[in-house]
Amino acid sequence: MKFEFINNACGIFFGSNGTKILCDPWIEDGVFEGSWFHYPPLKTKLEDIQDVDAIYLSHIHPDHYDERNFNFSTKIPIILLNHGANFLKKNLQKKGYNNFIEIKDDETVNFREFELTAYKCFTSHPFEESALGNLIDSSLVIQNLDTVAINFNDNVPDEKACIKLKNKFKKIDLAMINYNAAGPYPSCFDNLDINQKKEEHLKIINRNFNHLCKVLPFLKPKSVMPFAGSYVIGGKNYEKNDYLATATWDQCADYLKKNLSINTKVFCLNENQVFDIKNQKTLAKYERIDTEEMEKYIFSLKNRKYVYEHSEMPDEQDLLKDINIAKKKFLERSKKFNTTFKTNVFLNVGNKKINIFKGTDSNRELVCSMDNRLLRRILDRKSHWNNSEIGTHINFKRSPNIMDPDIHTILSFFHL
């Protein structure tokens, strides 16, 4: 079994009989409302990845499932986790896809020479207290003969999950594991000054790297590849790159090589490079990311337009009227989660600060600000709140500066 890397969470597994499974094909720049770009820029084109036998989609985020450009033959089986509301499956069905290989949590199915085992989110949240947990992510264990690879994607495991996986699969040849925290914090939080954003940026990166050093000894994989969460921000928000809770895969690999307590091969791949999983060999010489060139590239993207910037500015009175309607619907939707939420949420529109959700703790406040054109699109369900957050399009002020992951989860349901 071999793995060819493309970028971010995209790549192709090659089986011993030649079967090819494509994972999470994001190829074209501009996901998350137009702000996410590949670095290094991709040479691979969409037409280059059509000849595959199956496609694994880990979840609905557009850097894993790019709805804009998901134009594959409907005859190709799509591998999905069968769990929960399954927003991804519903989206695919609307586009005419129905050839699914659905795998329940901790269930194994056969696909040609592969044995495939899927997992729902291992934790409610790897670093924060959360009642709702993550509603969408998955991981896939891919086994071919006596070779085992785990594509964790954005599904970060804890110690318990690693012990469970090790006990079940015994020998793990490759762990492809997330090392970044893609999201709005700290780059979009205006309650922090520049120095505080830089401090939080480093704090989160070290937290993530340390977590890998903590859990990987329980998994004991022969090799580890820092995987997924690789991107840069273009457009008018390009300066937020300095404060993203992200690092290059080289930084993660360097840290793991220095700090891991187990004898594990740590490696990175360039686009279209192949790792022979069974023989633990990289089949080409790797070149590190040139961070100076990356900064120049980011600067070159500063004039790129976001999706909503092509829209006309909406009438503010119409916007306020529809916010009140969405607020009532949002309250009803939040009740379905059968849990309490501490944070009070406000929305800035013009010079007005509108309370759109009342939490149980009067001292906790989250104030959200965005371009009115984006807000219009979110209300009309042409854009998505969570994607807008991750794309750095929404600015926040929170008091106190304490993360409430559940309130960010339910904000995805604020719309008409």
Protein backbone atom coordinates (compact mmCIF):
# COMPACT_ATOMS: atom_id res chain seq x y z
CA MET A 1 0.00 0.00 0.00
CA LYS A 2 1.21 3.47 -0.92
CA PHE A 3 -0.02 7.04 -0.38
CA GLU A 4 0.40 9.92 -2.82
CA PHE A 5 0.09 13.34 -1.18
CA ILE A 6 -1.55 16.25 -3.01
CA ASN A 7 -2.13 18.94 -0.38
CA ASN A 8 -3.94 19.69 2.88
CA ALA A 9 -6.03 16.54 3.47
CA CYS A 10 -6.05 15.41 -0.16
CA GLY A 11 -4.20 12.38 -1.43
CA ILE A 12 -4.62 8.94 -2.97
CA PHE A 13 -4.17 5.50 -1.37
CA PHE A 14 -2.95 2.83 -3.77
CA GLY A 15 -3.77 -0.77 -2.90
CA SER A 16 -1.72 -3.88 -3.63
CA ASN A 17 -4.00 -4.67 -6.60
CA GLY A 18 -3.95 -1.12 -7.94
CA THR A 19 -7.20 0.15 -6.41
CA LYS A 20 -7.14 3.91 -5.80
CA ILE A 21 -9.01 5.71 -3.02
CA LEU A 22 -9.01 9.51 -3.27
CA CYS A 23 -9.33 11.42 0.02
CA ASP A 24 -10.93 14.84 0.56
CA PRO A 25 -10.34 16.53 -2.81
CA TRP A 26 -9.93 20.27 -2.31
CA ILE A 27 -8.01 21.47 -5.39
CA GLU A 28 -9.26 24.92 -6.41
CA ASP A 29 -8.33 27.94 -4.25
CA GLY A 30 -10.98 30.08 -2.60
CA VAL A 31 -12.92 27.85 -0.22
CA PHE A 32 -14.36 29.31 3.00
CA GLU A 33 -16.05 32.22 1.21
CA GLY A 34 -12.98 32.90 -0.93
CA SER A 35 -10.21 33.25 1.66
CA TRP A 36 -8.36 29.90 1.81
CA PHE A 37 -5.49 29.29 -0.59
CA HIS A 38 -3.02 26.46 -0.98
CA TYR A 39 0.61 26.93 -0.19
CA PRO A 40 2.65 25.87 -2.01
CA PRO A 41 0.32 26.62 -4.96
CA LEU A 42 -1.00 23.43 -6.53
CA LYS A 43 0.00 22.05 -9.89
CA THR A 44 -2.60 19.29 -9.69
CA LYS A 45 -5.82 19.95 -11.63
CA LEU A 46 -9.27 18.51 -11.05
CA GLU A 47 -8.98 16.48 -14.26
CA ASP A 48 -5.85 14.81 -12.86
CA ILE A 49 -7.75 13.04 -10.06
CA GLN A 50 -10.80 11.67 -11.89
CA ASP A 51 -9.41 8.18 -12.48
CA VAL A 52 -10.03 6.70 -9.04
CA ASP A 53 -12.04 3.76 -7.72
CA ALA A 54 -13.57 5.42 -4.65
CA ILE A 55 -13.59 8.74 -2.82
CA TYR A 56 -13.43 9.13 0.96
CA LEU A 57 -15.00 12.34 2.26
CA SER A 58 -14.27 12.88 5.94
CA HIS A 59 -16.72 15.75 6.53
CA ILE A 60 -18.53 18.68 4.97
CA HIS A 61 -16.00 21.49 5.52
CA PRO A 62 -15.01 22.81 2.07
CA ASP A 63 -11.28 22.08 2.44
CA HIS A 64 -12.37 18.41 2.54
CA TYR A 65 -15.49 18.49 0.39
CA ASP A 66 -15.36 21.40 -2.06
CA GLU A 67 -18.98 21.56 -3.15
CA ARG A 68 -18.15 24.16 -5.83
CA ASN A 69 -15.97 21.73 -7.77
CA PHE A 70 -17.08 18.26 -6.71
CA ASN A 71 -17.68 17.03 -10.25
CA PHE A 72 -16.90 13.33 -10.28
CA SER A 73 -18.69 10.48 -11.97
CA THR A 74 -21.75 9.42 -9.98
CA LYS A 75 -20.62 5.82 -10.58
CA ILE A 76 -17.61 6.27 -8.28
CA PRO A 77 -18.46 5.00 -4.77
CA ILE A 78 -18.22 7.64 -2.03
CA ILE A 79 -17.07 6.46 1.41
CA LEU A 80 -18.89 8.20 4.27
CA LEU A 81 -19.26 7.83 8.01
CA ASN A 82 -22.84 6.78 8.80
CA HIS A 83 -23.51 8.76 11.95
CA GLY A 84 -25.73 11.57 13.22
CA ALA A 85 -27.48 14.10 11.01
CA ASN A 86 -25.02 13.47 8.15
CA PHE A 87 -25.20 16.89 6.50
CA LEU A 88 -22.60 15.73 3.98
CA LYS A 89 -24.71 12.86 2.64
CA LYS A 90 -27.74 15.14 2.27
CA ASN A 91 -25.67 17.67 0.34
CA LEU A 92 -24.28 15.00 -1.98
CA GLN A 93 -27.74 13.59 -2.64
CA LYS A 94 -28.94 17.04 -3.74
CA LYS A 95 -26.13 17.01 -6.30
CA GLY A 96 -27.23 13.60 -7.63
CA TYR A 97 -24.80 11.30 -5.80
CA ASN A 98 -26.25 8.11 -4.34
CA ASN A 99 -23.49 5.50 -4.70
CA PHE A 100 -22.38 5.47 -1.07
CA ILE A 101 -20.28 3.12 1.01
CA GLU A 102 -21.64 4.03 4.44
CA ILE A 103 -19.67 2.82 7.45
CA LYS A 104 -20.92 3.04 11.02
CA ASP A 105 -18.67 4.07 13.88
CA ASP A 106 -16.05 1.37 14.57
CA GLU A 107 -17.47 -0.78 11.75
CA THR A 108 -15.26 -2.48 9.16
CA VAL A 109 -16.30 -3.04 5.54
CA ASN A 110 -14.43 -4.55 2.62
CA PHE A 111 -13.77 -2.63 -0.59
CA ARG A 112 -11.73 -4.66 -3.07
CA GLU A 113 -8.33 -5.31 -1.44
CA PHE A 114 -8.97 -2.81 1.37
CA GLU A 115 -10.57 -3.19 4.77
CA LEU A 116 -12.04 0.16 5.83
CA THR A 117 -12.98 1.14 9.38
CA ALA A 118 -14.60 4.50 10.11
CA TYR A 119 -14.74 6.49 13.35
CA LYS A 120 -16.86 9.37 14.53
CA CYS A 121 -15.26 12.13 16.62
CA PHE A 122 -13.09 10.63 19.34
CA THR A 123 -13.75 13.45 21.81
CA SER A 124 -16.41 16.13 22.35
CA HIS A 125 -13.50 18.58 22.10
CA PRO A 126 -9.81 17.74 22.50
CA PHE A 127 -8.97 20.89 24.47
CA GLU A 128 -12.18 22.55 25.75
CA GLU A 129 -15.20 21.60 27.81
CA SER A 130 -18.06 20.85 25.44
CA ALA A 131 -21.49 19.27 25.78
CA LEU A 132 -22.34 19.11 22.08
CA GLY A 133 -19.02 18.02 20.70
CA ASN A 134 -18.07 17.99 17.05
CA LEU A 135 -21.04 17.14 14.83
CA ILE A 136 -19.30 16.38 11.54
CA ASP A 137 -15.71 15.02 11.57
CA SER A 138 -14.60 11.43 10.94
CA SER A 139 -11.47 9.31 10.55
CA LEU A 140 -10.73 6.28 8.39
CA VAL A 141 -8.48 3.29 9.05
CA ILE A 142 -7.29 1.78 5.77
CA GLN A 143 -5.90 -1.76 5.87
CA ASN A 144 -4.42 -3.68 2.95
CA LEU A 145 -3.08 -7.16 3.74
CA ASP A 146 -0.88 -6.58 6.81
CA THR A 147 -0.40 -2.81 6.30
CA VAL A 148 -2.47 -0.31 8.32
CA ALA A 149 -2.79 3.46 7.86
CA ILE A 150 -4.99 5.84 9.88
CA ASN A 151 -6.22 9.00 8.20
CA PHE A 152 -7.24 11.06 11.24
CA ASN A 153 -8.05 14.18 9.23
CA ASP A 154 -9.42 16.87 11.61
CA ASN A 155 -10.57 14.24 14.12
CA VAL A 156 -7.95 14.71 16.87
CA PRO A 157 -7.61 11.60 19.07
CA ASP A 158 -7.07 11.53 22.81
CA GLU A 159 -5.18 8.90 24.82
CA LYS A 160 -8.25 6.68 25.15
CA ALA A 161 -8.81 6.67 21.38
CA CYS A 162 -5.16 5.82 20.67
CA ILE A 163 -5.24 2.92 23.13
CA LYS A 164 -8.44 1.62 21.54
CA LEU A 165 -6.98 1.84 18.03
CA LYS A 166 -3.73 0.19 19.07
CA ASN A 167 -5.55 -2.68 20.79
CA LYS A 168 -7.74 -3.27 17.74
CA PHE A 169 -5.21 -2.97 14.92
CA LYS A 170 -2.05 -4.02 16.81
CA LYS A 171 0.48 -2.82 14.23
CA ILE A 172 -0.05 0.68 12.81
CA ASP A 173 2.24 1.60 9.95
CA LEU A 174 1.17 5.19 9.31
CA ALA A 175 -0.68 7.86 11.29
CA MET A 176 -1.73 10.90 9.27
CA ILE A 177 -2.62 13.35 12.00
CA ASN A 178 -3.82 16.94 12.27
CA TYR A 179 -1.50 19.48 13.88
CA ASN A 180 -3.28 22.81 13.31
CA ALA A 181 -6.26 24.62 14.82
CA ALA A 182 -8.01 26.13 11.82
CA GLY A 183 -10.49 28.69 13.06
CA PRO A 184 -11.06 32.33 14.03
CA TYR A 185 -9.05 32.36 17.28
CA PRO A 186 -6.90 34.33 17.91
CA SER A 187 -6.70 36.14 14.55
CA CYS A 188 -10.30 37.40 14.58
CA PHE A 189 -10.68 38.30 18.27
CA ASP A 190 -10.54 42.04 18.78
CA ASN A 191 -10.49 41.78 22.57
CA LEU A 192 -6.81 40.87 22.08
CA ASP A 193 -4.10 43.29 21.00
CA ILE A 194 -1.41 42.32 18.48
CA ASN A 195 1.05 41.05 21.11
CA GLN A 196 -1.67 39.00 22.80
CA LYS A 197 -2.66 37.49 19.46
CA LYS A 198 0.95 36.48 18.82
CA GLU A 199 1.18 34.96 22.30
CA GLU A 200 -2.04 32.99 21.80
CA HIS A 201 -0.88 31.88 18.35
CA LEU A 202 2.28 30.34 19.85
CA LYS A 203 0.40 28.96 22.85
CA ILE A 204 -2.08 27.05 20.69
CA ILE A 205 0.57 25.69 18.33
CA ASN A 206 2.62 24.40 21.28
CA ARG A 207 -0.54 22.96 22.84
CA ASN A 208 -1.30 21.04 19.64
CA PHE A 209 2.26 19.78 19.20
CA ASN A 210 2.46 18.73 22.84
CA HIS A 211 -0.82 16.89 22.51
CA LEU A 212 0.60 14.81 19.67
CA CYS A 213 3.66 14.02 21.76
CA LYS A 214 1.32 12.94 24.54
CA VAL A 215 -1.01 10.64 22.56
CA LEU A 216 1.21 9.15 19.85
CA PRO A 217 3.17 6.95 22.32
CA PHE A 218 -0.11 5.14 23.01
CA LEU A 219 -0.65 4.56 19.30
CA LYS A 220 2.97 3.62 18.55
CA PRO A 221 2.79 4.07 14.76
CA LYS A 222 5.84 3.18 12.68
CA SER A 223 5.55 6.55 10.95
CA VAL A 224 3.74 9.87 11.40
CA MET A 225 2.80 12.43 8.77
CA PRO A 226 1.58 15.89 9.88
CA PHE A 227 -1.62 16.14 7.88
CA ALA A 228 -4.59 18.44 7.10
CA GLY A 229 -5.15 22.05 8.13
CA SER A 230 -2.64 23.46 5.66
CA TYR A 231 -3.62 26.80 4.11
CA VAL A 232 -2.98 30.55 3.91
CA ILE A 233 -5.47 33.43 3.99
CA GLY A 234 -5.74 35.66 0.92
CA GLY A 235 -7.79 38.76 0.25
CA LYS A 236 -8.22 41.78 2.52
CA ASN A 237 -7.76 39.60 5.63
CA TYR A 238 -4.28 38.49 4.56
CA GLU A 239 -2.64 40.13 7.60
CA LYS A 240 -4.51 37.67 9.83
CA ASN A 241 -2.06 34.99 8.68
CA ASP A 242 0.34 36.28 11.34
CA TYR A 243 -2.11 35.32 14.10
CA LEU A 244 -3.69 32.09 12.85
CA ALA A 245 -3.40 29.13 15.20
CA THR A 246 -1.47 27.31 12.49
CA ALA A 247 2.05 26.27 11.58
CA THR A 248 3.71 24.63 8.60
CA TRP A 249 3.96 20.86 8.51
CA ASP A 250 7.76 21.30 8.71
CA GLN A 251 7.42 23.05 12.08
CA CYS A 252 5.30 20.18 13.37
CA ALA A 253 7.67 17.52 12.03
CA ASP A 254 10.68 19.30 13.58
CA TYR A 255 8.94 19.43 16.94
CA LEU A 256 7.93 15.78 16.85
CA LYS A 257 11.40 14.60 15.84
CA LYS A 258 12.84 16.45 18.81
CA ASN A 259 10.20 15.69 21.44
CA LEU A 260 8.48 12.37 20.69
CA SER A 261 9.37 9.74 23.28
CA ILE A 262 8.99 6.83 20.83
CA ASN A 263 11.11 5.72 17.89
CA THR A 264 8.79 6.79 15.09
CA LYS A 265 9.61 7.96 11.58
CA VAL A 266 8.30 11.52 11.10
CA PHE A 267 8.10 12.78 7.53
CA CYS A 268 6.49 15.32 5.20
CA LEU A 269 5.70 15.10 1.51
CA ASN A 270 5.60 17.56 -1.35
CA GLU A 271 2.79 17.56 -3.87
CA ASN A 272 2.59 14.26 -5.82
CA GLN A 273 5.29 12.60 -3.73
CA VAL A 274 4.59 9.03 -2.68
CA PHE A 275 5.18 7.22 0.60
CA ASP A 276 5.54 3.44 0.45
CA ILE A 277 3.69 2.56 3.65
CA LYS A 278 4.65 -1.10 3.81
CA ASN A 279 8.36 -0.45 3.28
CA GLN A 280 8.39 2.90 5.12
CA LYS A 281 10.09 4.74 2.27
CA THR A 282 9.57 8.16 0.71
CA LEU A 283 9.99 7.72 -3.03
CA ALA A 284 11.49 11.16 -3.76
CA LYS A 285 13.60 13.80 -2.04
CA TYR A 286 11.53 16.18 0.09
CA GLU A 287 11.98 19.96 -0.08
CA ARG A 288 11.01 22.06 2.94
CA ILE A 289 8.53 24.93 2.65
CA ASP A 290 10.26 28.24 1.97
CA THR A 291 8.57 30.52 4.53
CA GLU A 292 9.99 33.69 2.98
CA GLU A 293 8.45 32.77 -0.37
CA MET A 294 5.24 31.90 1.45
CA GLU A 295 5.05 35.43 2.92
CA LYS A 296 5.58 36.94 -0.53
CA TYR A 297 2.86 34.73 -1.93
CA ILE A 298 0.43 35.74 0.80
CA PHE A 299 1.09 39.42 0.07
CA SER A 300 0.42 38.78 -3.63
CA LEU A 301 -3.08 37.54 -2.67
CA LYS A 302 -4.15 40.66 -0.79
CA ASN A 303 -6.36 42.02 -3.58
CA ARG A 304 -8.34 38.83 -4.14
CA LYS A 305 -12.07 39.38 -3.68
CA TYR A 306 -14.26 37.29 -1.37
CA VAL A 307 -17.56 35.82 -2.54
CA TYR A 308 -19.68 38.39 -0.74
CA GLU A 309 -17.62 41.32 -2.03
CA HIS A 310 -19.22 40.78 -5.44
CA SER A 311 -22.67 41.45 -3.93
CA GLU A 312 -24.43 44.77 -3.50
CA MET A 313 -24.67 46.22 0.00
CA PRO A 314 -28.08 45.24 1.47
CA ASP A 315 -30.64 47.63 2.88
CA GLU A 316 -29.96 47.89 6.62
CA GLN A 317 -33.63 48.08 7.62
CA ASP A 318 -34.41 44.90 5.68
CA LEU A 319 -31.41 43.29 7.34
CA LEU A 320 -32.61 44.24 10.84
CA LYS A 321 -36.09 42.91 10.13
CA ASP A 322 -34.73 39.57 8.93
CA ILE A 323 -32.32 39.33 11.88
CA ASN A 324 -35.33 39.39 14.20
CA ILE A 325 -36.99 36.58 12.23
CA ALA A 326 -33.75 34.55 12.20
CA LYS A 327 -33.32 35.18 15.93
CA LYS A 328 -36.68 33.51 16.70
CA LYS A 329 -35.89 30.53 14.46
CA PHE A 330 -32.42 30.28 15.99
CA LEU A 331 -33.90 30.08 19.48
CA GLU A 332 -36.18 27.22 18.44
CA ARG A 333 -33.33 25.34 16.76
CA SER A 334 -31.10 25.72 19.83
CA LYS A 335 -33.75 24.02 22.01
CA LYS A 336 -33.34 20.83 19.96
CA PHE A 337 -29.85 20.35 21.38
CA ASN A 338 -31.34 19.89 24.86
CA THR A 339 -28.48 21.65 26.62
CA THR A 340 -27.79 25.03 28.19
CA PHE A 341 -25.47 27.67 26.72
CA LYS A 342 -23.63 30.11 28.94
CA THR A 343 -22.69 32.86 26.50
CA ASN A 344 -24.80 35.86 25.47
CA VAL A 345 -24.38 36.56 21.76
CA PHE A 346 -24.65 39.98 20.14
CA LEU A 347 -24.48 41.04 16.51
CA ASN A 348 -23.15 44.43 15.42
CA VAL A 349 -25.10 45.93 12.53
CA GLY A 350 -24.22 49.53 11.72
CA ASN A 351 -24.25 51.33 15.07
CA LYS A 352 -26.63 48.80 16.64
CA LYS A 353 -25.66 45.96 18.98
CA ILE A 354 -28.38 43.32 18.72
CA ASN A 355 -28.80 40.50 21.22
CA ILE A 356 -29.47 37.35 19.17
CA PHE A 357 -29.09 34.80 21.97
CA LYS A 358 -29.41 34.95 25.75
CA GLY A 359 -27.10 32.63 27.65
CA THR A 360 -27.33 31.53 31.26
CA ASP A 361 -24.32 33.53 32.46
CA SER A 362 -24.94 37.29 32.39
CA ASN A 363 -21.18 37.91 32.65
CA ARG A 364 -20.27 36.06 29.46
CA GLU A 365 -20.55 37.95 26.18
CA LEU A 366 -19.63 37.34 22.56
CA VAL A 367 -20.02 40.24 20.13
CA CYS A 368 -19.89 39.37 16.41
CA SER A 369 -19.16 41.77 13.52
CA MET A 370 -19.04 41.15 9.78
CA ASP A 371 -19.61 42.76 6.41
CA ASN A 372 -23.37 43.30 5.94
CA ARG A 373 -23.13 41.62 2.54
CA LEU A 374 -21.86 38.44 4.20
CA LEU A 375 -24.54 38.67 6.90
CA ARG A 376 -27.17 38.93 4.16
CA ARG A 377 -25.81 35.78 2.53
CA ILE A 378 -25.74 33.90 5.86
CA LEU A 379 -29.33 34.83 6.60
CA ASP A 380 -30.35 33.66 3.12
CA ARG A 381 -28.33 30.40 3.50
CA LYS A 382 -26.11 31.27 0.56
CA SER A 383 -23.14 31.36 2.95
CA HIS A 384 -22.58 29.48 6.18
CA TRP A 385 -21.73 30.95 9.60
CA ASN A 386 -19.17 28.29 10.51
CA ASN A 387 -17.43 28.51 7.14
CA SER A 388 -17.35 32.30 7.51
CA GLU A 389 -15.73 31.93 10.96
CA ILE A 390 -13.08 29.54 9.71
CA GLY A 391 -12.47 31.78 6.71
CA THR A 392 -11.66 34.69 9.12
CA HIS A 393 -14.60 36.80 7.86
CA ILE A 394 -16.24 37.34 11.27
CA ASN A 395 -14.59 39.40 13.99
CA PHE A 396 -15.34 38.79 17.65
CA LYS A 397 -15.02 40.40 21.03
CA ARG A 398 -15.58 38.15 24.02
CA SER A 399 -15.62 38.85 27.70
CA PRO A 400 -14.12 37.13 29.57
CA ASN A 401 -11.70 35.62 27.06
CA ILE A 402 -12.93 32.06 27.62
CA MET A 403 -13.76 29.70 24.77
CA ASP A 404 -17.34 28.43 24.60
CA PRO A 405 -17.20 25.88 21.74
CA ASP A 406 -20.88 24.98 22.01
CA ILE A 407 -22.09 28.50 21.28
CA HIS A 408 -19.94 28.55 18.14
CA THR A 409 -21.47 25.21 17.13
CA ILE A 410 -25.06 26.40 17.40
CA LEU A 411 -24.32 29.69 15.62
CA SER A 412 -24.17 27.54 12.48
CA PHE A 413 -27.97 27.42 12.76
CA PHE A 414 -28.49 31.19 12.75
CA HIS A 415 -30.29 31.90 9.47
CA LEU A 416 -33.77 32.31 8.04
